[in-house]
């Protein structure tokens, strides 16, 4: 027989072409047309098109993440400034607590008219101080004309309450800053229990605040002239001048009860 004709199916139509001899095997094979081979070859996958709505959502998410990163960087920068300001505030609170039991001594002078008797002024000053539970102890100062009064300072409930509040708030602030600065694994709301230790400031103040305190008085009579009395600037050279030294709060109370304004320049 001659060359066998074998049908090659392309799609739904059959095309009959003459078989050709293979150069390698000597056998006759039937090859499909080029169009059929191209149709049978695998085609590269076409990437899926993203819907317009999904693209908008992705763009919004990317912008939000970028903005969040910028805000985080800004917060990290401002956190250092906040911590520094907080440390200054905490130091001020600590100084306030420590200063509540220290002596705040000050000096002041009061000048009365020349017709005022020095003895009358001394008796009035003594009456004011003894009325505030001070006791006269002249032997405590050997300088002539100086009278020393001694009293006992009692602790104040209101001051103790303020100090405890400051201590508790300060410790709570320390815990807050620690939770912001330390790594997340160390941050916990349980650390706020440390604030309870601030209540220990109350007994500490109560034990330290009760102490003996002195208040000194001295009366001098001016003789006129251009030189200030006792070489103290702001003290007139005429009249009767009373010099006092004591706790600043007691000096303020003494001024109010004496009814005389202190001289502008204190000794």
C-alpha atoms as a PDB file:
ATOM      1  CA  UNK A   1       0.000   0.000   0.000  1.00  0.00           C
ATOM      2  CA  UNK A   2       1.093   3.578  -0.414  1.00  0.00           C
ATOM      3  CA  UNK A   3       1.531   6.046   2.415  1.00  0.00           C
ATOM      4  CA  UNK A   4      -1.245   5.639   4.875  1.00  0.00           C
ATOM      5  CA  UNK A   5      -3.325   8.681   5.500  1.00  0.00           C
ATOM      6  CA  UNK A   6      -4.205   9.276   9.156  1.00  0.00           C
ATOM      7  CA  UNK A   7      -6.650  11.852  10.333  1.00  0.00           C
ATOM      8  CA  UNK A   8      -5.411  14.638  12.713  1.00  0.00           C
ATOM      9  CA  UNK A   9      -8.165  16.202  14.756  1.00  0.00           C
ATOM     10  CA  UNK A  10      -8.015  19.946  15.253  1.00  0.00           C
ATOM     11  CA  UNK A  11     -10.889  21.064  17.313  1.00  0.00           C
ATOM     12  CA  UNK A  12     -14.004  19.520  15.824  1.00  0.00           C
ATOM     13  CA  UNK A  13     -12.719  19.168  12.199  1.00  0.00           C
ATOM     14  CA  UNK A  14     -10.533  16.306  10.953  1.00  0.00           C
ATOM     15  CA  UNK A  15      -7.759  17.128   8.514  1.00  0.00           C
ATOM     16  CA  UNK A  16      -6.088  14.308   6.592  1.00  0.00           C
ATOM     17  CA  UNK A  17      -2.497  14.845   5.638  1.00  0.00           C
ATOM     18  CA  UNK A  18      -0.026  12.436   4.160  1.00  0.00           C
ATOM     19  CA  UNK A  19       2.288  10.824   6.633  1.00  0.00           C
ATOM     20  CA  UNK A  20       5.970  11.541   6.433  1.00  0.00           C
ATOM     21  CA  UNK A  21       8.908   9.317   7.232  1.00  0.00           C
ATOM     22  CA  UNK A  22      10.710   9.903  10.498  1.00  0.00           C
ATOM     23  CA  UNK A  23      14.384  10.723  10.079  1.00  0.00           C
ATOM     24  CA  UNK A  24      15.301   8.685  13.168  1.00  0.00           C
ATOM     25  CA  UNK A  25      13.170   5.580  13.169  1.00  0.00           C
ATOM     26  CA  UNK A  26      12.282   5.151   9.522  1.00  0.00           C
ATOM     27  CA  UNK A  27       8.690   4.815  10.648  1.00  0.00           C
ATOM     28  CA  UNK A  28       5.985   6.899   9.266  1.00  0.00           C
ATOM     29  CA  UNK A  29       4.365   9.239  11.779  1.00  0.00           C
ATOM     30  CA  UNK A  30       1.499  11.596  11.579  1.00  0.00           C
ATOM     31  CA  UNK A  31       2.096  15.192  12.754  1.00  0.00           C
ATOM     32  CA  UNK A  32      -0.560  17.643  13.651  1.00  0.00           C
ATOM     33  CA  UNK A  33      -0.597  21.001  11.947  1.00  0.00           C
ATOM     34  CA  UNK A  34       1.127  23.991  13.569  1.00  0.00           C
ATOM     35  CA  UNK A  35      -2.179  25.566  14.495  1.00  0.00           C
ATOM     36  CA  UNK A  36      -3.199  22.451  16.379  1.00  0.00           C
ATOM     37  CA  UNK A  37       0.119  22.297  18.212  1.00  0.00           C
ATOM     38  CA  UNK A  38      -0.146  25.947  19.226  1.00  0.00           C
ATOM     39  CA  UNK A  39      -3.643  25.368  20.509  1.00  0.00           C
ATOM     40  CA  UNK A  40      -2.557  22.330  22.525  1.00  0.00           C
ATOM     41  CA  UNK A  41       0.521  24.050  24.077  1.00  0.00           C
ATOM     42  CA  UNK A  42       0.049  25.307  27.657  1.00  0.00           C
ATOM     43  CA  UNK A  43      -0.493  29.021  27.929  1.00  0.00           C
ATOM     44  CA  UNK A  44       1.090  31.228  30.646  1.00  0.00           C
ATOM     45  CA  UNK A  45      -1.232  32.082  33.477  1.00  0.00           C
ATOM     46  CA  UNK A  46      -2.700  35.550  33.279  1.00  0.00           C
ATOM     47  CA  UNK A  47      -2.423  37.412  36.630  1.00  0.00           C
ATOM     48  CA  UNK A  48      -5.709  38.079  38.292  1.00  0.00           C
ATOM     49  CA  UNK A  49      -6.827  41.668  38.071  1.00  0.00           C
ATOM     50  CA  UNK A  50      -7.477  43.409  41.408  1.00  0.00           C
ATOM     51  CA  UNK A  51     -10.899  44.984  41.616  1.00  0.00           C
ATOM     52  CA  UNK A  52     -10.854  48.810  41.896  1.00  0.00           C
ATOM     53  CA  UNK A  53     -12.478  48.731  45.354  1.00  0.00           C
ATOM     54  CA  UNK A  54      -9.806  46.354  46.705  1.00  0.00           C
ATOM     55  CA  UNK A  55      -7.067  48.607  45.314  1.00  0.00           C
ATOM     56  CA  UNK A  56      -8.539  51.604  47.138  1.00  0.00           C
ATOM     57  CA  UNK A  57      -8.693  49.656  50.393  1.00  0.00           C
ATOM     58  CA  UNK A  58      -5.056  48.576  50.030  1.00  0.00           C
ATOM     59  CA  UNK A  59      -3.986  52.168  49.393  1.00  0.00           C
ATOM     60  CA  UNK A  60      -5.910  53.371  52.450  1.00  0.00           C
ATOM     61  CA  UNK A  61      -4.337  50.660  54.621  1.00  0.00           C
ATOM     62  CA  UNK A  62      -0.838  51.533  53.405  1.00  0.00           C
ATOM     63  CA  UNK A  63      -1.418  55.221  54.166  1.00  0.00           C
ATOM     64  CA  UNK A  64      -2.749  54.394  57.624  1.00  0.00           C
ATOM     65  CA  UNK A  65       0.292  52.240  58.398  1.00  0.00           C
ATOM     66  CA  UNK A  66       2.643  54.982  57.197  1.00  0.00           C
ATOM     67  CA  UNK A  67       0.838  57.573  59.296  1.00  0.00           C
ATOM     68  CA  UNK A  68       0.926  55.242  62.313  1.00  0.00           C
ATOM     69  CA  UNK A  69       4.678  54.827  61.922  1.00  0.00           C
ATOM     70  CA  UNK A  70       5.137  58.605  61.820  1.00  0.00           C
ATOM     71  CA  UNK A  71       2.951  59.082  64.902  1.00  0.00           C
ATOM     72  CA  UNK A  72       4.859  56.367  66.753  1.00  0.00           C
ATOM     73  CA  UNK A  73       8.177  58.038  65.970  1.00  0.00           C
ATOM     74  CA  UNK A  74       6.801  61.377  67.174  1.00  0.00           C
ATOM     75  CA  UNK A  75       5.480  59.804  70.363  1.00  0.00           C
ATOM     76  CA  UNK A  76       8.847  58.213  71.070  1.00  0.00           C
ATOM     77  CA  UNK A  77      10.521  61.609  70.726  1.00  0.00           C
ATOM     78  CA  UNK A  78       8.035  63.358  72.994  1.00  0.00           C
ATOM     79  CA  UNK A  79       8.182  60.547  75.540  1.00  0.00           C
ATOM     80  CA  UNK A  80      11.733  61.484  76.487  1.00  0.00           C
ATOM     81  CA  UNK A  81      10.723  65.109  77.080  1.00  0.00           C
ATOM     82  CA  UNK A  82       7.743  63.977  79.152  1.00  0.00           C
ATOM     83  CA  UNK A  83       9.954  61.719  81.264  1.00  0.00           C
ATOM     84  CA  UNK A  84      12.410  64.569  81.881  1.00  0.00           C
ATOM     85  CA  UNK A  85       9.637  66.952  82.977  1.00  0.00           C
ATOM     86  CA  UNK A  86       8.190  64.243  85.194  1.00  0.00           C
ATOM     87  CA  UNK A  87      11.551  63.707  86.900  1.00  0.00           C
ATOM     88  CA  UNK A  88      11.768  67.421  87.676  1.00  0.00           C
ATOM     89  CA  UNK A  89       8.249  67.347  89.106  1.00  0.00           C
ATOM     90  CA  UNK A  90       9.020  64.255  91.171  1.00  0.00           C
ATOM     91  CA  UNK A  91      12.133  65.937  92.559  1.00  0.00           C
ATOM     92  CA  UNK A  92      10.027  68.952  93.539  1.00  0.00           C
ATOM     93  CA  UNK A  93       7.514  66.725  95.314  1.00  0.00           C
ATOM     94  CA  UNK A  94      10.290  64.977  97.205  1.00  0.00           C
ATOM     95  CA  UNK A  95      11.789  68.313  98.262  1.00  0.00           C
ATOM     96  CA  UNK A  96       8.361  69.461  99.433  1.00  0.00           C
ATOM     97  CA  UNK A  97       7.963  66.368 101.609  1.00  0.00           C
ATOM     98  CA  UNK A  98      11.440  66.711 103.100  1.00  0.00           C
ATOM     99  CA  UNK A  99      11.015  70.435 103.739  1.00  0.00           C
ATOM    100  CA  UNK A 100       7.814  69.932 105.697  1.00  0.00           C
ATOM    101  CA  UNK A 101       9.812  69.026 108.837  1.00  0.00           C
ATOM    102  CA  UNK A 102      12.641  71.543 108.474  1.00  0.00           C
ATOM    103  CA  UNK A 103      12.993  74.836 110.320  1.00  0.00           C
ATOM    104  CA  UNK A 104      12.028  77.765 108.105  1.00  0.00           C
ATOM    105  CA  UNK A 105      13.595  80.583 110.110  1.00  0.00           C
ATOM    106  CA  UNK A 106      13.243  84.207 109.109  1.00  0.00           C
ATOM    107  CA  UNK A 107      13.926  87.609 110.660  1.00  0.00           C
ATOM    108  CA  UNK A 108      11.781  90.717 110.672  1.00  0.00           C
ATOM    109  CA  UNK A 109      11.672  94.151 112.321  1.00  0.00           C
ATOM    110  CA  UNK A 110       8.757  96.339 113.372  1.00  0.00           C
ATOM    111  CA  UNK A 111       9.111 100.049 114.088  1.00  0.00           C
ATOM    112  CA  UNK A 112       6.607 101.899 116.268  1.00  0.00           C
ATOM    113  CA  UNK A 113       6.275 105.658 116.925  1.00  0.00           C
ATOM    114  CA  UNK A 114       8.640 107.367 119.376  1.00  0.00           C
ATOM    115  CA  UNK A 115       5.910 107.776 121.974  1.00  0.00           C
ATOM    116  CA  UNK A 116       5.681 103.983 122.338  1.00  0.00           C
ATOM    117  CA  UNK A 117       7.202 102.686 125.539  1.00  0.00           C
ATOM    118  CA  UNK A 118       9.770  99.896 125.027  1.00  0.00           C
ATOM    119  CA  UNK A 119       8.411  98.121 128.084  1.00  0.00           C
ATOM    120  CA  UNK A 120       4.889  98.260 126.692  1.00  0.00           C
ATOM    121  CA  UNK A 121       6.073  96.805 123.383  1.00  0.00           C
ATOM    122  CA  UNK A 122       8.011  94.045 125.141  1.00  0.00           C
ATOM    123  CA  UNK A 123       5.013  93.111 127.258  1.00  0.00           C
ATOM    124  CA  UNK A 124       2.761  93.041 124.203  1.00  0.00           C
ATOM    125  CA  UNK A 125       5.179  90.774 122.352  1.00  0.00           C
ATOM    126  CA  UNK A 126       5.423  88.491 125.381  1.00  0.00           C
ATOM    127  CA  UNK A 127       1.628  88.290 125.619  1.00  0.00           C
ATOM    128  CA  UNK A 128       1.353  87.301 121.957  1.00  0.00           C
ATOM    129  CA  UNK A 129       3.949  84.547 122.268  1.00  0.00           C
ATOM    130  CA  UNK A 130       2.739  83.115 125.569  1.00  0.00           C
ATOM    131  CA  UNK A 131      -0.742  83.022 124.095  1.00  0.00           C
ATOM    132  CA  UNK A 132       0.653  80.687 121.453  1.00  0.00           C
ATOM    133  CA  UNK A 133       2.062  78.298 124.069  1.00  0.00           C
ATOM    134  CA  UNK A 134       5.590  79.748 124.066  1.00  0.00           C
ATOM    135  CA  UNK A 135       7.540  79.838 127.352  1.00  0.00           C
ATOM    136  CA  UNK A 136      10.010  82.642 128.178  1.00  0.00           C
ATOM    137  CA  UNK A 137      13.556  81.373 128.709  1.00  0.00           C
ATOM    138  CA  UNK A 138      15.908  84.360 129.074  1.00  0.00           C
ATOM    139  CA  UNK A 139      18.810  82.159 130.133  1.00  0.00           C
ATOM    140  CA  UNK A 140      19.049  80.662 126.657  1.00  0.00           C
ATOM    141  CA  UNK A 141      20.616  83.842 125.209  1.00  0.00           C
ATOM    142  CA  UNK A 142      23.135  85.956 127.162  1.00  0.00           C
ATOM    143  CA  UNK A 143      23.059  88.934 124.803  1.00  0.00           C
ATOM    144  CA  UNK A 144      21.626  92.050 126.511  1.00  0.00           C
ATOM    145  CA  UNK A 145      18.065  92.894 125.525  1.00  0.00           C
ATOM    146  CA  UNK A 146      17.379  89.564 123.804  1.00  0.00           C
ATOM    147  CA  UNK A 147      14.475  87.502 125.091  1.00  0.00           C
ATOM    148  CA  UNK A 148      14.105  83.891 123.953  1.00  0.00           C
ATOM    149  CA  UNK A 149      10.803  82.054 123.911  1.00  0.00           C
ATOM    150  CA  UNK A 150      10.514  78.318 123.325  1.00  0.00           C
ATOM    151  CA  UNK A 151       7.533  76.321 122.192  1.00  0.00           C
ATOM    152  CA  UNK A 152       6.672  72.901 120.822  1.00  0.00           C
ATOM    153  CA  UNK A 153       5.543  72.598 117.247  1.00  0.00           C
ATOM    154  CA  UNK A 154       2.621  70.220 116.861  1.00  0.00           C
ATOM    155  CA  UNK A 155       2.051  68.196 113.690  1.00  0.00           C
ATOM    156  CA  UNK A 156      -0.816  69.278 111.464  1.00  0.00           C
ATOM    157  CA  UNK A 157      -3.439  66.839 110.192  1.00  0.00           C
ATOM    158  CA  UNK A 158      -4.027  68.874 107.031  1.00  0.00           C
ATOM    159  CA  UNK A 159      -0.308  68.951 106.200  1.00  0.00           C
ATOM    160  CA  UNK A 160      -0.056  65.205 106.804  1.00  0.00           C
ATOM    161  CA  UNK A 161      -2.978  64.624 104.417  1.00  0.00           C
ATOM    162  CA  UNK A 162      -1.370  66.784 101.739  1.00  0.00           C
ATOM    163  CA  UNK A 163       1.966  65.002 102.090  1.00  0.00           C
ATOM    164  CA  UNK A 164       0.367  61.549 101.805  1.00  0.00           C
ATOM    165  CA  UNK A 165      -1.552  62.658  98.704  1.00  0.00           C
ATOM    166  CA  UNK A 166       1.617  63.994  97.097  1.00  0.00           C
ATOM    167  CA  UNK A 167       3.525  60.787  97.867  1.00  0.00           C
ATOM    168  CA  UNK A 168       0.781  58.493  96.527  1.00  0.00           C
ATOM    169  CA  UNK A 169       0.365  60.555  93.357  1.00  0.00           C
ATOM    170  CA  UNK A 170       4.141  60.644  92.840  1.00  0.00           C
ATOM    171  CA  UNK A 171       4.513  56.882  93.112  1.00  0.00           C
ATOM    172  CA  UNK A 172       1.577  56.365  90.737  1.00  0.00           C
ATOM    173  CA  UNK A 173       3.282  58.687  88.265  1.00  0.00           C
ATOM    174  CA  UNK A 174       6.518  56.705  88.554  1.00  0.00           C
ATOM    175  CA  UNK A 175       4.638  53.499  87.740  1.00  0.00           C
ATOM    176  CA  UNK A 176       2.932  55.163  84.763  1.00  0.00           C
ATOM    177  CA  UNK A 177       6.232  56.354  83.305  1.00  0.00           C
ATOM    178  CA  UNK A 178       7.799  52.938  83.891  1.00  0.00           C
ATOM    179  CA  UNK A 179       4.961  51.246  81.990  1.00  0.00           C
ATOM    180  CA  UNK A 180       5.514  53.619  79.078  1.00  0.00           C
ATOM    181  CA  UNK A 181       9.288  53.341  78.944  1.00  0.00           C
ATOM    182  CA  UNK A 182       9.948  49.705  79.837  1.00  0.00           C
ATOM    183  CA  UNK A 183       9.387  46.832  77.364  1.00  0.00           C
ATOM    184  CA  UNK A 184       5.800  45.505  77.145  1.00  0.00           C
ATOM    185  CA  UNK A 185       6.656  42.286  78.960  1.00  0.00           C
ATOM    186  CA  UNK A 186       7.468  44.310  82.106  1.00  0.00           C
ATOM    187  CA  UNK A 187       4.472  46.670  81.934  1.00  0.00           C
ATOM    188  CA  UNK A 188       1.556  45.801  84.180  1.00  0.00           C
ATOM    189  CA  UNK A 189      -1.240  47.587  86.003  1.00  0.00           C
ATOM    190  CA  UNK A 190      -0.355  45.588  89.113  1.00  0.00           C
ATOM    191  CA  UNK A 191       2.624  47.863  89.681  1.00  0.00           C
ATOM    192  CA  UNK A 192       0.210  50.592  90.801  1.00  0.00           C
ATOM    193  CA  UNK A 193      -0.062  48.749  94.110  1.00  0.00           C
ATOM    194  CA  UNK A 194       3.301  50.358  94.942  1.00  0.00           C
ATOM    195  CA  UNK A 195       1.430  53.659  95.391  1.00  0.00           C
ATOM    196  CA  UNK A 196       0.118  52.401  98.723  1.00  0.00           C
ATOM    197  CA  UNK A 197       3.614  52.877 100.140  1.00  0.00           C
ATOM    198  CA  UNK A 198       3.026  56.625  99.948  1.00  0.00           C
ATOM    199  CA  UNK A 199       0.849  56.357 103.047  1.00  0.00           C
ATOM    200  CA  UNK A 200       4.036  55.767 105.077  1.00  0.00           C
ATOM    201  CA  UNK A 201       4.800  59.487 104.720  1.00  0.00           C
ATOM    202  CA  UNK A 202       2.052  60.244 107.265  1.00  0.00           C
ATOM    203  CA  UNK A 203       3.658  58.511 110.282  1.00  0.00           C
ATOM    204  CA  UNK A 204       7.079  59.812 109.217  1.00  0.00           C
ATOM    205  CA  UNK A 205       5.825  63.404 109.218  1.00  0.00           C
ATOM    206  CA  UNK A 206       3.972  62.949 112.503  1.00  0.00           C
ATOM    207  CA  UNK A 207       7.142  61.755 114.234  1.00  0.00           C
ATOM    208  CA  UNK A 208       9.405  64.443 112.758  1.00  0.00           C
ATOM    209  CA  UNK A 209       7.106  67.466 112.937  1.00  0.00           C
ATOM    210  CA  UNK A 210       6.827  67.593 116.724  1.00  0.00           C
ATOM    211  CA  UNK A 211       9.913  69.480 117.874  1.00  0.00           C
ATOM    212  CA  UNK A 212      11.016  72.384 120.061  1.00  0.00           C
ATOM    213  CA  UNK A 213      11.174  75.772 118.369  1.00  0.00           C
ATOM    214  CA  UNK A 214      12.607  79.115 119.499  1.00  0.00           C
ATOM    215  CA  UNK A 215      11.365  82.648 118.921  1.00  0.00           C
ATOM    216  CA  UNK A 216      13.715  85.533 119.786  1.00  0.00           C
ATOM    217  CA  UNK A 217      12.789  89.170 120.417  1.00  0.00           C
ATOM    218  CA  UNK A 218      14.877  92.311 120.962  1.00  0.00           C
ATOM    219  CA  UNK A 219      13.709  95.907 121.490  1.00  0.00           C
ATOM    220  CA  UNK A 220      15.874  98.881 120.537  1.00  0.00           C
ATOM    221  CA  UNK A 221      15.185 102.609 120.801  1.00  0.00           C
ATOM    222  CA  UNK A 222      16.409 104.934 118.069  1.00  0.00           C
ATOM    223  CA  UNK A 223      18.149 108.200 118.936  1.00  0.00           C
ATOM    224  CA  UNK A 224      17.678 110.012 115.647  1.00  0.00           C
ATOM    225  CA  UNK A 225      20.271 110.891 113.015  1.00  0.00           C
ATOM    226  CA  UNK A 226      20.926 109.721 109.480  1.00  0.00           C
ATOM    227  CA  UNK A 227      22.370 106.296 110.313  1.00  0.00           C
ATOM    228  CA  UNK A 228      19.925 103.387 110.397  1.00  0.00           C
ATOM    229  CA  UNK A 229      19.239 101.731 113.737  1.00  0.00           C
ATOM    230  CA  UNK A 230      21.684  98.919 114.533  1.00  0.00           C
ATOM    231  CA  UNK A 231      23.164  99.289 111.067  1.00  0.00           C
ATOM    232  CA  UNK A 232      20.216  97.524 109.481  1.00  0.00           C
ATOM    233  CA  UNK A 233      19.073  98.965 106.121  1.00  0.00           C
ATOM    234  CA  UNK A 234      15.411  99.913 106.033  1.00  0.00           C
ATOM    235  CA  UNK A 235      15.085 100.359 109.804  1.00  0.00           C
ATOM    236  CA  UNK A 236      14.385 103.974 110.814  1.00  0.00           C
ATOM    237  CA  UNK A 237      16.758 105.672 113.253  1.00  0.00           C
ATOM    238  CA  UNK A 238      13.850 107.054 115.273  1.00  0.00           C
ATOM    239  CA  UNK A 239      11.120 105.285 117.180  1.00  0.00           C
ATOM    240  CA  UNK A 240      11.064 101.947 118.942  1.00  0.00           C
ATOM    241  CA  UNK A 241      12.035  98.938 116.837  1.00  0.00           C
ATOM    242  CA  UNK A 242      11.292  95.326 117.668  1.00  0.00           C
ATOM    243  CA  UNK A 243      13.502  92.672 116.067  1.00  0.00           C
ATOM    244  CA  UNK A 244      12.180  89.108 115.934  1.00  0.00           C
ATOM    245  CA  UNK A 245      13.520  85.801 114.649  1.00  0.00           C
ATOM    246  CA  UNK A 246      11.555  82.584 114.348  1.00  0.00           C
ATOM    247  CA  UNK A 247       9.682  80.267 112.033  1.00  0.00           C
ATOM    248  CA  UNK A 248       8.289  82.184 109.075  1.00  0.00           C
ATOM    249  CA  UNK A 249       4.731  81.076 109.792  1.00  0.00           C
ATOM    250  CA  UNK A 250       5.035  82.178 113.420  1.00  0.00           C
ATOM    251  CA  UNK A 251       6.505  85.517 112.351  1.00  0.00           C
ATOM    252  CA  UNK A 252       3.540  86.034 110.018  1.00  0.00           C
ATOM    253  CA  UNK A 253       1.094  85.289 112.854  1.00  0.00           C
ATOM    254  CA  UNK A 254       3.049  87.577 115.194  1.00  0.00           C
ATOM    255  CA  UNK A 255       2.852  90.413 112.654  1.00  0.00           C
ATOM    256  CA  UNK A 256      -0.895  89.973 112.294  1.00  0.00           C
ATOM    257  CA  UNK A 257      -1.533  89.971 116.047  1.00  0.00           C
ATOM    258  CA  UNK A 258       0.865  92.851 116.694  1.00  0.00           C
ATOM    259  CA  UNK A 259      -1.030  94.979 114.176  1.00  0.00           C
ATOM    260  CA  UNK A 260       2.126  96.605 112.790  1.00  0.00           C
ATOM    261  CA  UNK A 261       3.488  96.090 109.298  1.00  0.00           C
ATOM    262  CA  UNK A 262       7.051  94.852 109.168  1.00  0.00           C
ATOM    263  CA  UNK A 263       9.811  96.984 107.703  1.00  0.00           C
ATOM    264  CA  UNK A 264      10.447  96.575 104.005  1.00  0.00           C
ATOM    265  CA  UNK A 265      13.984  95.206 104.448  1.00  0.00           C
ATOM    266  CA  UNK A 266      14.419  92.316 106.854  1.00  0.00           C
ATOM    267  CA  UNK A 267      17.524  91.800 108.907  1.00  0.00           C
END
